[in-house]
C-alpha atoms as a PDB file:
ATOM      1  CA  MET A   1      58.041 -61.392  30.740  1.00  0.00           C
ATOM      2  CA  SER A   2      55.921 -57.871  30.456  1.00  0.00           C
ATOM      3  CA  GLU A   3      53.901 -57.240  33.875  1.00  0.00           C
ATOM      4  CA  GLY A   4      50.541 -55.692  33.652  1.00  0.00           C
ATOM      5  CA  PRO A   5      49.235 -52.371  35.155  1.00  0.00           C
ATOM      6  CA  THR A   6      49.717 -51.397  38.245  1.00  0.00           C
ATOM      7  CA  PRO A   7      46.791 -51.009  40.563  1.00  0.00           C
ATOM      8  CA  GLN A   8      47.849 -47.170  40.723  1.00  0.00           C
ATOM      9  CA  ALA A   9      47.862 -46.898  36.943  1.00  0.00           C
ATOM     10  CA  GLU A  10      44.646 -48.677  36.847  1.00  0.00           C
ATOM     11  CA  THR A  11      43.170 -46.150  40.029  1.00  0.00           C
ATOM     12  CA  LEU A  12      44.332 -42.843  37.581  1.00  0.00           C
ATOM     13  CA  ALA A  13      42.757 -44.498  34.213  1.00  0.00           C
ATOM     14  CA  THR A  14      39.364 -45.345  35.800  1.00  0.00           C
ATOM     15  CA  SER A  15      39.333 -41.970  37.154  1.00  0.00           C
ATOM     16  CA  ASN A  16      40.373 -40.347  33.818  1.00  0.00           C
ATOM     17  CA  THR A  17      37.774 -41.971  32.235  1.00  0.00           C
ATOM     18  CA  ARG A  18      35.286 -40.901  34.903  1.00  0.00           C
ATOM     19  CA  ALA A  19      36.163 -37.556  34.635  1.00  0.00           C
ATOM     20  CA  ALA A  20      36.202 -37.869  30.556  1.00  0.00           C
ATOM     21  CA  VAL A  21      32.688 -38.927  30.845  1.00  0.00           C
ATOM     22  CA  GLY A  22      31.558 -36.148  33.347  1.00  0.00           C
ATOM     23  CA  TRP A  23      33.039 -33.758  30.387  1.00  0.00           C
ATOM     24  CA  LEU A  24      30.817 -35.231  28.051  1.00  0.00           C
ATOM     25  CA  LEU A  25      28.037 -35.238  29.241  1.00  0.00           C
ATOM     26  CA  VAL A  26      28.405 -31.383  30.436  1.00  0.00           C
ATOM     27  CA  ASP A  27      28.545 -30.666  26.538  1.00  0.00           C
ATOM     28  CA  MET A  28      26.090 -32.812  25.915  1.00  0.00           C
ATOM     29  CA  VAL A  29      23.337 -30.809  27.876  1.00  0.00           C
ATOM     30  CA  LEU A  30      24.585 -27.500  26.897  1.00  0.00           C
ATOM     31  CA  VAL A  31      24.926 -28.629  23.019  1.00  0.00           C
ATOM     32  CA  SER A  32      21.966 -31.104  22.749  1.00  0.00           C
ATOM     33  CA  GLY A  33      20.011 -29.560  24.959  1.00  0.00           C
ATOM     34  CA  GLY A  34      20.628 -25.839  24.850  1.00  0.00           C
ATOM     35  CA  MET A  35      22.287 -25.022  21.697  1.00  0.00           C
ATOM     36  CA  THR A  36      20.271 -27.378  19.285  1.00  0.00           C
ATOM     37  CA  ALA A  37      16.858 -26.205  20.710  1.00  0.00           C
ATOM     38  CA  LEU A  38      18.094 -22.026  19.404  1.00  0.00           C
ATOM     39  CA  VAL A  39      19.582 -23.390  15.968  1.00  0.00           C
ATOM     40  CA  LYS A  40      16.557 -24.918  15.594  1.00  0.00           C
ATOM     41  CA  ALA A  41      14.681 -21.651  15.466  1.00  0.00           C
ATOM     42  CA  GLN A  42      16.973 -19.402  14.495  1.00  0.00           C
ATOM     43  CA  GLY A  43      17.602 -22.063  11.386  1.00  0.00           C
ATOM     44  CA  LEU A  44      14.083 -21.295   9.850  1.00  0.00           C
ATOM     45  CA  THR A  45      14.861 -17.662   9.218  1.00  0.00           C
ATOM     46  CA  TYR A  46      18.993 -17.744   8.433  1.00  0.00           C
ATOM     47  CA  PRO A  47      21.025 -20.079   6.498  1.00  0.00           C
ATOM     48  CA  ALA A  48      22.868 -22.476   8.308  1.00  0.00           C
ATOM     49  CA  PHE A  49      25.998 -21.137   6.961  1.00  0.00           C
ATOM     50  CA  GLN A  50      25.350 -17.694   8.230  1.00  0.00           C
ATOM     51  CA  LEU A  51      24.549 -19.543  11.823  1.00  0.00           C
ATOM     52  CA  VAL A  52      27.644 -20.922  11.846  1.00  0.00           C
ATOM     53  CA  PHE A  53      29.760 -18.021  10.936  1.00  0.00           C
ATOM     54  CA  ILE A  54      28.192 -15.787  13.486  1.00  0.00           C
ATOM     55  CA  ARG A  55      28.350 -18.874  16.477  1.00  0.00           C
ATOM     56  CA  ALA A  56      32.054 -18.777  15.410  1.00  0.00           C
ATOM     57  CA  MET A  57      32.758 -15.576  15.316  1.00  0.00           C
ATOM     58  CA  ILE A  58      30.393 -15.120  19.544  1.00  0.00           C
ATOM     59  CA  GLY A  59      32.352 -17.859  20.356  1.00  0.00           C
ATOM     60  CA  LEU A  60      35.513 -15.798  19.478  1.00  0.00           C
ATOM     61  CA  ALA A  61      35.265 -12.999  21.548  1.00  0.00           C
ATOM     62  CA  PHE A  62      34.288 -15.388  24.568  1.00  0.00           C
ATOM     63  CA  ILE A  63      37.952 -16.742  24.307  1.00  0.00           C
ATOM     64  CA  LEU A  64      39.470 -13.892  24.072  1.00  0.00           C
ATOM     65  CA  PRO A  65      40.341 -13.457  27.980  1.00  0.00           C
ATOM     66  CA  LEU A  66      41.910 -16.574  27.081  1.00  0.00           C
ATOM     67  CA  ILE A  67      43.858 -16.211  23.828  1.00  0.00           C
ATOM     68  CA  TRP A  68      45.714 -13.040  26.062  1.00  0.00           C
ATOM     69  CA  HIS A  69      46.122 -16.108  29.375  1.00  0.00           C
ATOM     70  CA  HIS A  70      47.990 -18.330  27.002  1.00  0.00           C
ATOM     71  CA  ARG A  71      49.231 -15.956  25.166  1.00  0.00           C
ATOM     72  CA  VAL A  72      52.445 -17.874  25.175  1.00  0.00           C
ATOM     73  CA  ALA A  73      51.140 -21.091  24.428  1.00  0.00           C
ATOM     74  CA  MET A  74      49.330 -19.509  20.893  1.00  0.00           C
ATOM     75  CA  THR A  75      53.290 -19.112  19.569  1.00  0.00           C
ATOM     76  CA  GLN A  76      54.538 -22.236  20.286  1.00  0.00           C
ATOM     77  CA  ILE A  77      51.670 -24.921  18.041  1.00  0.00           C
ATOM     78  CA  LYS A  78      52.841 -27.972  17.442  1.00  0.00           C
ATOM     79  CA  HIS A  79      50.785 -29.451  14.831  1.00  0.00           C
ATOM     80  CA  PRO A  80      49.491 -26.565  12.806  1.00  0.00           C
ATOM     81  CA  TRP A  81      48.212 -28.171   9.873  1.00  0.00           C
ATOM     82  CA  ARG A  82      46.649 -31.168  11.830  1.00  0.00           C
ATOM     83  CA  ASN A  83      44.692 -28.282  13.280  1.00  0.00           C
ATOM     84  CA  ILE A  84      44.049 -26.955   9.907  1.00  0.00           C
ATOM     85  CA  PHE A  85      42.494 -31.207   9.133  1.00  0.00           C
ATOM     86  CA  ARG A  86      40.175 -31.187  12.658  1.00  0.00           C
ATOM     87  CA  ILE A  87      38.550 -27.650  12.147  1.00  0.00           C
ATOM     88  CA  SER A  88      37.734 -28.077   8.415  1.00  0.00           C
ATOM     89  CA  CYS A  89      36.247 -31.398   8.924  1.00  0.00           C
ATOM     90  CA  ASN A  90      33.927 -29.747  11.753  1.00  0.00           C
ATOM     91  CA  ALA A  91      32.875 -26.809   9.815  1.00  0.00           C
ATOM     92  CA  ILE A  92      32.109 -29.391   7.095  1.00  0.00           C
ATOM     93  CA  ALA A  93      30.458 -31.452  10.273  1.00  0.00           C
ATOM     94  CA  LEU A  94      28.529 -28.341  12.011  1.00  0.00           C
ATOM     95  CA  THR A  95      27.282 -26.450   8.676  1.00  0.00           C
ATOM     96  CA  SER A  96      25.478 -30.151   7.570  1.00  0.00           C
ATOM     97  CA  ASN A  97      24.184 -30.586  11.008  1.00  0.00           C
ATOM     98  CA  PHE A  98      22.453 -27.038  11.472  1.00  0.00           C
ATOM     99  CA  LEU A  99      21.430 -27.975   8.278  1.00  0.00           C
ATOM    100  CA  ALA A 100      19.761 -31.041   9.230  1.00  0.00           C
ATOM    101  CA  ILE A 101      17.834 -29.569  12.655  1.00  0.00           C
ATOM    102  CA  THR A 102      16.017 -27.205  10.392  1.00  0.00           C
ATOM    103  CA  MET A 103      15.544 -30.152   8.095  1.00  0.00           C
ATOM    104  CA  LEU A 104      14.245 -33.017  10.513  1.00  0.00           C
ATOM    105  CA  PRO A 105      12.902 -33.365  13.608  1.00  0.00           C
ATOM    106  CA  LEU A 106      15.594 -33.176  16.460  1.00  0.00           C
ATOM    107  CA  ALA A 107      14.981 -36.581  17.736  1.00  0.00           C
ATOM    108  CA  MET A 108      15.626 -37.954  14.510  1.00  0.00           C
ATOM    109  CA  VAL A 109      18.696 -35.809  13.575  1.00  0.00           C
ATOM    110  CA  ASN A 110      19.932 -36.779  16.992  1.00  0.00           C
ATOM    111  CA  ALA A 111      19.233 -40.775  16.360  1.00  0.00           C
ATOM    112  CA  VAL A 112      20.908 -41.133  12.733  1.00  0.00           C
ATOM    113  CA  GLY A 113      23.745 -39.323  14.233  1.00  0.00           C
ATOM    114  CA  PHE A 114      24.053 -42.101  16.547  1.00  0.00           C
ATOM    115  CA  SER A 115      26.072 -43.648  13.769  1.00  0.00           C
ATOM    116  CA  ARG A 116      29.035 -41.658  15.082  1.00  0.00           C
ATOM    117  CA  PRO A 117      30.330 -43.838  17.594  1.00  0.00           C
ATOM    118  CA  LEU A 118      30.566 -46.820  14.894  1.00  0.00           C
ATOM    119  CA  VAL A 119      32.629 -44.532  12.335  1.00  0.00           C
ATOM    120  CA  THR A 120      34.498 -43.334  15.117  1.00  0.00           C
ATOM    121  CA  MET A 121      35.351 -46.491  17.003  1.00  0.00           C
ATOM    122  CA  VAL A 122      35.904 -47.785  13.217  1.00  0.00           C
ATOM    123  CA  MET A 123      38.387 -44.599  12.434  1.00  0.00           C
ATOM    124  CA  ALA A 124      39.811 -45.079  15.909  1.00  0.00           C
ATOM    125  CA  VAL A 125      41.266 -48.424  15.273  1.00  0.00           C
ATOM    126  CA  ALA A 126      42.758 -47.411  11.926  1.00  0.00           C
ATOM    127  CA  PHE A 127      43.931 -44.391  12.216  1.00  0.00           C
ATOM    128  CA  LEU A 128      44.880 -44.514  16.223  1.00  0.00           C
ATOM    129  CA  GLY A 129      45.665 -48.229  16.669  1.00  0.00           C
ATOM    130  CA  GLU A 130      43.139 -48.109  19.766  1.00  0.00           C
ATOM    131  CA  ILE A 131      41.715 -51.804  21.427  1.00  0.00           C
ATOM    132  CA  VAL A 132      38.535 -52.493  21.250  1.00  0.00           C
ATOM    133  CA  SER A 133      36.764 -55.291  22.609  1.00  0.00           C
ATOM    134  CA  ARG A 134      34.345 -57.781  20.921  1.00  0.00           C
ATOM    135  CA  ILE A 135      31.603 -56.893  23.365  1.00  0.00           C
ATOM    136  CA  ARG A 136      31.761 -53.418  22.859  1.00  0.00           C
ATOM    137  CA  TRP A 137      32.117 -54.402  18.367  1.00  0.00           C
ATOM    138  CA  LEU A 138      29.085 -56.283  19.249  1.00  0.00           C
ATOM    139  CA  GLY A 139      27.293 -53.670  21.053  1.00  0.00           C
ATOM    140  CA  ALA A 140      28.046 -50.973  18.027  1.00  0.00           C
ATOM    141  CA  VAL A 141      26.958 -53.441  15.553  1.00  0.00           C
ATOM    142  CA  PHE A 142      23.561 -54.114  17.252  1.00  0.00           C
ATOM    143  CA  ALA A 143      23.523 -50.098  17.689  1.00  0.00           C
ATOM    144  CA  PHE A 144      23.761 -49.683  14.908  1.00  0.00           C
ATOM    145  CA  VAL A 145      21.083 -52.003  13.523  1.00  0.00           C
ATOM    146  CA  GLY A 146      18.991 -49.264  16.054  1.00  0.00           C
ATOM    147  CA  VAL A 147      19.829 -46.166  13.748  1.00  0.00           C
ATOM    148  CA  LEU A 148      19.028 -48.121  10.290  1.00  0.00           C
ATOM    149  CA  ILE A 149      15.868 -48.657  12.179  1.00  0.00           C
ATOM    150  CA  VAL A 150      15.504 -44.798  12.453  1.00  0.00           C
ATOM    151  CA  MET A 151      16.921 -43.774   9.293  1.00  0.00           C
ATOM    152  CA  ALA A 152      14.231 -46.497   6.902  1.00  0.00           C
ATOM    153  CA  PRO A 153      16.571 -46.409   4.117  1.00  0.00           C
ATOM    154  CA  GLY A 154      14.903 -47.849   0.593  1.00  0.00           C
ATOM    155  CA  THR A 155      11.294 -46.969   2.337  1.00  0.00           C
ATOM    156  CA  SER A 156       8.940 -43.776   1.591  1.00  0.00           C
ATOM    157  CA  SER A 157       9.974 -42.768   4.775  1.00  0.00           C
ATOM    158  CA  PHE A 158      13.502 -42.205   4.133  1.00  0.00           C
ATOM    159  CA  GLU A 159      14.349 -37.958   4.333  1.00  0.00           C
ATOM    160  CA  VAL A 160      16.891 -36.457   2.051  1.00  0.00           C
ATOM    161  CA  GLY A 161      18.174 -34.727   4.991  1.00  0.00           C
ATOM    162  CA  VAL A 162      19.289 -37.948   6.476  1.00  0.00           C
ATOM    163  CA  LEU A 163      21.846 -37.860   3.865  1.00  0.00           C
ATOM    164  CA  VAL A 164      22.753 -34.197   5.614  1.00  0.00           C
ATOM    165  CA  VAL A 165      22.960 -35.887   8.616  1.00  0.00           C
ATOM    166  CA  LEU A 166      25.588 -38.595   7.869  1.00  0.00           C
ATOM    167  CA  VAL A 167      27.825 -36.084   6.064  1.00  0.00           C
ATOM    168  CA  SER A 168      28.114 -34.418   9.522  1.00  0.00           C
ATOM    169  CA  VAL A 169      28.612 -37.285  11.409  1.00  0.00           C
ATOM    170  CA  THR A 170      31.168 -38.681   8.696  1.00  0.00           C
ATOM    171  CA  PHE A 171      33.470 -35.118   9.190  1.00  0.00           C
ATOM    172  CA  GLY A 172      32.505 -34.952  12.650  1.00  0.00           C
ATOM    173  CA  SER A 173      34.241 -38.908  13.640  1.00  0.00           C
ATOM    174  CA  LEU A 174      37.306 -37.474  11.318  1.00  0.00           C
ATOM    175  CA  ALA A 175      37.305 -34.327  13.946  1.00  0.00           C
ATOM    176  CA  ILE A 176      37.350 -36.822  16.492  1.00  0.00           C
ATOM    177  CA  ILE A 177      39.813 -39.024  15.759  1.00  0.00           C
ATOM    178  CA  GLN A 178      42.014 -35.924  14.825  1.00  0.00           C
ATOM    179  CA  THR A 179      40.776 -33.954  18.445  1.00  0.00           C
ATOM    180  CA  ARG A 180      42.586 -37.510  20.378  1.00  0.00           C
ATOM    181  CA  ALA A 181      45.357 -37.405  17.964  1.00  0.00           C
ATOM    182  CA  LEU A 182      46.161 -33.870  19.392  1.00  0.00           C
ATOM    183  CA  ARG A 183      45.880 -34.872  22.919  1.00  0.00           C
ATOM    184  CA  ASP A 184      49.414 -33.158  23.585  1.00  0.00           C
ATOM    185  CA  GLU A 185      47.887 -30.069  22.160  1.00  0.00           C
ATOM    186  CA  ASN A 186      47.055 -26.667  24.393  1.00  0.00           C
ATOM    187  CA  THR A 187      43.359 -27.022  25.229  1.00  0.00           C
ATOM    188  CA  THR A 188      42.973 -23.204  24.782  1.00  0.00           C
ATOM    189  CA  VAL A 189      45.443 -23.374  21.264  1.00  0.00           C
ATOM    190  CA  MET A 190      42.704 -26.161  19.798  1.00  0.00           C
ATOM    191  CA  MET A 191      39.962 -23.918  20.872  1.00  0.00           C
ATOM    192  CA  VAL A 192      41.242 -20.843  19.261  1.00  0.00           C
ATOM    193  CA  PHE A 193      42.054 -23.068  15.801  1.00  0.00           C
ATOM    194  CA  TYR A 194      38.750 -24.409  15.885  1.00  0.00           C
ATOM    195  CA  THR A 195      36.651 -20.654  16.312  1.00  0.00           C
ATOM    196  CA  VAL A 196      39.253 -18.954  14.349  1.00  0.00           C
ATOM    197  CA  GLY A 197      38.661 -21.980  11.241  1.00  0.00           C
ATOM    198  CA  LEU A 198      35.667 -22.136  11.589  1.00  0.00           C
ATOM    199  CA  ALA A 199      34.727 -18.397  11.510  1.00  0.00           C
ATOM    200  CA  ALA A 200      37.722 -18.308   8.258  1.00  0.00           C
ATOM    201  CA  ILE A 201      35.905 -21.497   6.292  1.00  0.00           C
ATOM    202  CA  THR A 202      32.164 -20.486   6.720  1.00  0.00           C
ATOM    203  CA  ALA A 203      33.228 -16.252   5.998  1.00  0.00           C
ATOM    204  CA  VAL A 204      32.643 -15.975   2.127  1.00  0.00           C
ATOM    205  CA  PRO A 205      29.332 -18.680   1.901  1.00  0.00           C
ATOM    206  CA  ALA A 206      28.233 -17.031   4.708  1.00  0.00           C
ATOM    207  CA  VAL A 207      28.446 -13.126   2.868  1.00  0.00           C
ATOM    208  CA  LEU A 208      26.932 -14.429  -0.024  1.00  0.00           C
ATOM    209  CA  THR A 209      23.760 -16.296   1.672  1.00  0.00           C
ATOM    210  CA  TRP A 210      23.723 -13.721   4.208  1.00  0.00           C
ATOM    211  CA  GLN A 211      19.997 -12.318   5.949  1.00  0.00           C
ATOM    212  CA  PRO A 212      19.893  -8.856   7.637  1.00  0.00           C
ATOM    213  CA  VAL A 213      19.559  -9.715  11.656  1.00  0.00           C
ATOM    214  CA  ALA A 214      16.804  -8.537  13.769  1.00  0.00           C
ATOM    215  CA  THR A 215      17.458  -7.125  16.427  1.00  0.00           C
ATOM    216  CA  PHE A 216      15.645  -9.607  18.825  1.00  0.00           C
ATOM    217  CA  ASP A 217      16.941 -12.483  17.264  1.00  0.00           C
ATOM    218  CA  TRP A 218      20.446 -11.145  19.183  1.00  0.00           C
ATOM    219  CA  PRO A 219      20.054 -12.841  21.849  1.00  0.00           C
ATOM    220  CA  PRO A 220      19.282 -16.269  20.928  1.00  0.00           C
ATOM    221  CA  LEU A 221      22.614 -15.955  18.716  1.00  0.00           C
ATOM    222  CA  LEU A 222      24.879 -15.012  21.244  1.00  0.00           C
ATOM    223  CA  GLY A 223      23.322 -17.721  23.426  1.00  0.00           C
ATOM    224  CA  ILE A 224      24.274 -20.716  20.635  1.00  0.00           C
ATOM    225  CA  GLY A 225      27.765 -18.920  20.403  1.00  0.00           C
ATOM    226  CA  PHE A 226      27.948 -19.088  24.284  1.00  0.00           C
ATOM    227  CA  LEU A 227      26.797 -22.576  24.755  1.00  0.00           C
ATOM    228  CA  ALA A 228      29.135 -23.667  21.565  1.00  0.00           C
ATOM    229  CA  GLN A 229      31.728 -22.656  23.083  1.00  0.00           C
ATOM    230  CA  LEU A 230      31.234 -24.144  26.441  1.00  0.00           C
ATOM    231  CA  GLY A 231      30.509 -27.457  25.294  1.00  0.00           C
ATOM    232  CA  GLN A 232      33.592 -27.414  23.349  1.00  0.00           C
ATOM    233  CA  TYR A 233      36.038 -26.590  25.500  1.00  0.00           C
ATOM    234  CA  CYS A 234      33.845 -29.780  27.537  1.00  0.00           C
ATOM    235  CA  PHE A 235      34.410 -31.784  24.774  1.00  0.00           C
ATOM    236  CA  LEU A 236      37.925 -31.394  24.278  1.00  0.00           C
ATOM    237  CA  ARG A 237      38.985 -32.060  27.453  1.00  0.00           C
ATOM    238  CA  ALA A 238      36.937 -35.293  27.919  1.00  0.00           C
ATOM    239  CA  TYR A 239      39.105 -36.259  24.694  1.00  0.00           C
ATOM    240  CA  ARG A 240      42.285 -35.155  26.479  1.00  0.00           C
ATOM    241  CA  ILE A 241      42.024 -37.696  29.102  1.00  0.00           C
ATOM    242  CA  ALA A 242      40.671 -40.684  27.285  1.00  0.00           C
ATOM    243  CA  ASP A 243      40.503 -42.986  24.423  1.00  0.00           C
ATOM    244  CA  ALA A 244      38.134 -42.144  21.716  1.00  0.00           C
ATOM    245  CA  SER A 245      36.381 -45.673  21.809  1.00  0.00           C
ATOM    246  CA  VAL A 246      35.853 -45.458  25.141  1.00  0.00           C
ATOM    247  CA  LEU A 247      33.871 -42.121  24.989  1.00  0.00           C
ATOM    248  CA  ALA A 248      31.792 -42.703  21.576  1.00  0.00           C
ATOM    249  CA  PRO A 249      28.628 -44.793  22.387  1.00  0.00           C
ATOM    250  CA  ILE A 250      28.159 -41.985  25.510  1.00  0.00           C
ATOM    251  CA  GLY A 251      26.585 -39.954  23.093  1.00  0.00           C
ATOM    252  CA  TYR A 252      24.044 -42.157  22.562  1.00  0.00           C
ATOM    253  CA  LEU A 253      22.472 -40.957  26.154  1.00  0.00           C
ATOM    254  CA  SER A 254      22.176 -37.215  24.161  1.00  0.00           C
ATOM    255  CA  ILE A 255      18.600 -38.939  22.833  1.00  0.00           C
ATOM    256  CA  VAL A 256      17.075 -38.150  25.776  1.00  0.00           C
ATOM    257  CA  CYS A 257      17.755 -34.046  25.441  1.00  0.00           C
ATOM    258  CA  VAL A 258      17.322 -33.716  22.190  1.00  0.00           C
ATOM    259  CA  THR A 259      14.105 -35.516  23.082  1.00  0.00           C
ATOM    260  CA  VAL A 260      12.871 -33.524  25.193  1.00  0.00           C
ATOM    261  CA  THR A 261      14.488 -29.771  24.089  1.00  0.00           C
ATOM    262  CA  GLY A 262      12.162 -31.059  20.577  1.00  0.00           C
ATOM    263  CA  TYR A 263       8.629 -32.206  22.633  1.00  0.00           C
ATOM    264  CA  VAL A 264       9.047 -28.968  24.927  1.00  0.00           C
ATOM    265  CA  PHE A 265       9.792 -26.290  22.639  1.00  0.00           C
ATOM    266  CA  PHE A 266       9.092 -27.539  19.221  1.00  0.00           C
ATOM    267  CA  ASP A 267       5.932 -30.282  19.823  1.00  0.00           C
ATOM    268  CA  GLU A 268       7.900 -33.134  18.117  1.00  0.00           C
ATOM    269  CA  VAL A 269       6.805 -36.584  19.070  1.00  0.00           C
ATOM    270  CA  PRO A 270       9.227 -39.067  18.025  1.00  0.00           C
ATOM    271  CA  GLU A 271       7.861 -41.503  15.087  1.00  0.00           C
ATOM    272  CA  PRO A 272       7.106 -45.014  16.028  1.00  0.00           C
ATOM    273  CA  ARG A 273       9.833 -46.132  14.146  1.00  0.00           C
ATOM    274  CA  VAL A 274      12.232 -43.804  15.906  1.00  0.00           C
ATOM    275  CA  VAL A 275      10.901 -44.636  19.318  1.00  0.00           C
ATOM    276  CA  ILE A 276      11.560 -48.164  18.819  1.00  0.00           C
ATOM    277  CA  GLY A 277      15.095 -47.750  17.148  1.00  0.00           C
ATOM    278  CA  VAL A 278      16.238 -45.605  20.150  1.00  0.00           C
ATOM    279  CA  VAL A 279      15.084 -48.370  21.796  1.00  0.00           C
ATOM    280  CA  VAL A 280      17.281 -50.945  20.032  1.00  0.00           C
ATOM    281  CA  ILE A 281      20.263 -48.675  20.613  1.00  0.00           C
ATOM    282  CA  LEU A 282      20.055 -48.066  23.869  1.00  0.00           C
ATOM    283  CA  VAL A 283      19.666 -51.915  24.839  1.00  0.00           C
ATOM    284  CA  ALA A 284      22.399 -52.140  22.862  1.00  0.00           C
ATOM    285  CA  LEU A 285      24.423 -49.970  24.168  1.00  0.00           C
ATOM    286  CA  GLN A 286      23.601 -50.461  27.560  1.00  0.00           C
ATOM    287  CA  GLY A 287      23.654 -54.483  27.380  1.00  0.00           C
ATOM    288  CA  SER A 288      27.654 -54.518  25.341  1.00  0.00           C
ATOM    289  CA  ALA A 289      28.282 -52.588  28.688  1.00  0.00           C
ATOM    290  CA  TRP A 290      27.252 -54.514  31.246  1.00  0.00           C
ATOM    291  CA  THR A 291      28.808 -57.655  29.449  1.00  0.00           C
ATOM    292  CA  GLU A 292      31.914 -56.046  29.383  1.00  0.00           C
ATOM    293  CA  ARG A 293      32.664 -55.200  32.808  1.00  0.00           C
ATOM    294  CA  ARG A 294      31.251 -58.975  34.030  1.00  0.00           C
ATOM    295  CA  TRP A 295      33.400 -60.879  31.736  1.00  0.00           C
ATOM    296  CA  ARG A 296      36.687 -58.297  33.049  1.00  0.00           C
END
């Protein structure tokens, strides 16, 4: 008969989970708070493809020292094709997300994006064989009901921009699953693949839609690249040490960052249905987490 996990193994797993949550929260503040505000402001002037391309090129400049430091690892890529598929999904997800940010209020984009944890959990089970408890499934389903309240499908309140967010959710979830599957790949290798891949994939559409960049717009564009690159590093660190199905629901907390950002910088006040939907989402998240802890 097989023995259960040792106390040492359980302590290590708990420590890894806490560290991963910490990395993910830092990523959330950098990206959901800082970068999102800059993207929304600049998206009124520059096309999404151009913003993603500039973000990638600036990010590449920032990680050049890392590339040099890990130059040996760069010649020992373990999964080139899986990395290519991952950054292709990332390119579609990021471009559609940038577009949605310029089309919808930030709280709306983020709230609809809350469907990603459910999609990620399904994919984690289907593609990675991860185990998800019934309580966590139940919490995710109730959270998704909250997402539907926010989206208001089939009503006059439904906006086309919501479909753009759903495209971002689908491909973003695929990218997360690939990130988890690549946990034995060097972090710098993954960052380089991500950054160079974004630049390569968006180069042509960026050139076709390019708008001249004003001198005073370069500082915020630099900020987008810098914050995005730091956030990407934190994100990769998180998903290398914890299961995707465990980390996915933590993304619900980003509503705090984006709601504050939208209100402070863009005078956006969430609609009542968005507030109700978010409350349902957070109650489902916290309720399932509390219940799972009590039943262990």
